[in-house]
Amino acid sequence: MRRVIWWLIVGTKGGVNRAKILRALHDRPYNANQLSEVLGLDYKTVRHHLKVLLENKVITETGVGYGMVYYLSEGMEREYEVFKDYLDKVWTKIATAEAKKG
């Protein structure tokens, strides 16, 4: 699970948005529309990232259709502290990239 988390958060372009989704789901379950509103992200973007996270067994889902609710998987719950460490690396990476642009 640690390698998957690293790749999904630090190793890919969409890592920042996936990290935001995982942080939100750590607090409570949400459906895609709620995540879109809470995070200020486009609904289609949220759906894409949810699909990636589901395929990699980082989150789970309950329900059907529009009311589908997402949760962190048991494996992700166990590795949440590792995720937080990786998240620090993502923010450092973003800050470094922004500093080079400016």
Protein backbone atom coordinates (compact mmCIF):
# COMPACT_ATOMS: atom_id res chain seq x y z
CA MET A 1 0.00 0.00 0.00
CA ARG A 2 2.85 2.43 0.75
CA ARG A 3 4.17 2.25 -2.81
CA VAL A 4 0.70 2.80 -4.21
CA ILE A 5 0.17 5.81 -1.95
CA TRP A 6 3.56 7.24 -2.96
CA TRP A 7 2.82 6.82 -6.65
CA LEU A 8 -0.72 8.24 -6.43
CA ILE A 9 0.23 11.25 -4.31
CA VAL A 10 3.85 12.16 -5.01
CA GLY A 11 4.62 10.43 -8.30
CA THR A 12 1.80 11.70 -10.50
CA LYS A 13 0.47 15.03 -11.72
CA GLY A 14 -2.96 14.58 -10.09
CA GLY A 15 -1.46 13.86 -6.68
CA VAL A 16 -2.50 17.15 -5.13
CA ASN A 17 -6.18 16.65 -5.94
CA ARG A 18 -6.07 13.02 -4.83
CA ALA A 19 -4.47 14.12 -1.57
CA LYS A 20 -7.26 16.65 -1.02
CA ILE A 21 -9.85 13.93 -1.60
CA LEU A 22 -8.15 11.53 0.81
CA ARG A 23 -7.87 14.17 3.51
CA ALA A 24 -11.57 14.96 3.15
CA LEU A 25 -12.54 11.28 3.26
CA HIS A 26 -10.44 10.83 6.38
CA ASP A 27 -12.75 13.29 8.14
CA ARG A 28 -16.00 11.72 6.90
CA PRO A 29 -17.58 9.90 3.93
CA TYR A 30 -18.73 11.96 0.95
CA ASN A 31 -20.34 11.41 -2.42
CA ALA A 32 -18.70 12.85 -5.55
CA ASN A 33 -20.90 15.94 -5.65
CA GLN A 34 -20.22 16.76 -2.02
CA LEU A 35 -16.47 16.37 -2.57
CA SER A 36 -16.67 18.66 -5.58
CA GLU A 37 -18.37 21.35 -3.52
CA VAL A 38 -16.23 20.96 -0.39
CA LEU A 39 -12.94 20.95 -2.30
CA GLY A 40 -13.88 23.48 -4.97
CA LEU A 41 -13.00 21.04 -7.76
CA ASP A 42 -14.84 20.28 -10.98
CA TYR A 43 -17.22 17.33 -10.61
CA LYS A 44 -15.65 15.45 -13.54
CA THR A 45 -12.20 15.94 -12.02
CA VAL A 46 -13.41 14.49 -8.73
CA ARG A 47 -15.01 11.51 -10.51
CA HIS A 48 -11.75 10.83 -12.36
CA HIS A 49 -9.69 10.84 -9.18
CA LEU A 50 -12.22 8.70 -7.33
CA LYS A 51 -11.98 6.14 -10.13
CA VAL A 52 -8.17 6.08 -9.86
CA LEU A 53 -8.32 5.74 -6.07
CA LEU A 54 -10.91 2.94 -6.32
CA GLU A 55 -8.87 1.04 -8.92
CA ASN A 56 -5.89 1.16 -6.58
CA LYS A 57 -7.93 0.09 -3.53
CA VAL A 58 -7.18 3.26 -1.61
CA ILE A 59 -10.87 4.02 -1.14
CA THR A 60 -14.07 1.97 -1.09
CA GLU A 61 -17.61 2.80 -2.08
CA THR A 62 -21.09 2.08 -0.77
CA GLY A 63 -24.42 2.67 -2.47
CA VAL A 64 -25.45 3.03 -6.08
CA GLY A 65 -25.52 5.74 -8.72
CA TYR A 66 -25.53 9.38 -7.72
CA GLY A 67 -25.75 8.52 -4.03
CA MET A 68 -22.52 6.47 -4.05
CA VAL A 69 -20.57 7.32 -0.90
CA TYR A 70 -16.79 6.95 -0.63
CA TYR A 71 -14.64 5.98 2.36
CA LEU A 72 -10.97 5.32 2.96
CA SER A 73 -10.16 1.63 2.55
CA GLU A 74 -8.97 -0.36 5.57
CA GLY A 75 -5.46 -0.42 4.09
CA MET A 76 -5.46 3.35 3.68
CA GLU A 77 -6.74 3.82 7.21
CA ARG A 78 -3.81 1.72 8.47
CA GLU A 79 -1.31 3.71 6.40
CA TYR A 80 -2.77 7.17 6.97
CA GLU A 81 0.30 8.37 8.89
CA VAL A 82 2.48 7.33 5.95
CA PHE A 83 0.15 9.29 3.66
CA LYS A 84 0.59 12.36 5.87
CA ASP A 85 4.38 12.04 5.56
CA TYR A 86 4.08 11.79 1.78
CA LEU A 87 1.74 14.74 1.78
CA ASP A 88 4.47 16.87 3.36
CA LYS A 89 6.70 15.89 0.44
CA VAL A 90 4.02 16.92 -2.07
CA TRP A 91 3.67 20.37 -0.52
CA THR A 92 7.47 20.73 -0.54
CA LYS A 93 7.51 19.72 -4.22
CA ILE A 94 4.80 22.28 -5.04
CA ALA A 95 6.53 25.04 -3.12
CA THR A 96 9.83 24.31 -4.89
CA ALA A 97 8.15 24.37 -8.32
CA GLU A 98 6.38 27.64 -7.50
CA ALA A 99 9.64 29.22 -6.30
CA LYS A 100 11.36 28.30 -9.59
CA LYS A 101 8.52 29.92 -11.58
CA GLY A 102 8.65 33.15 -9.58
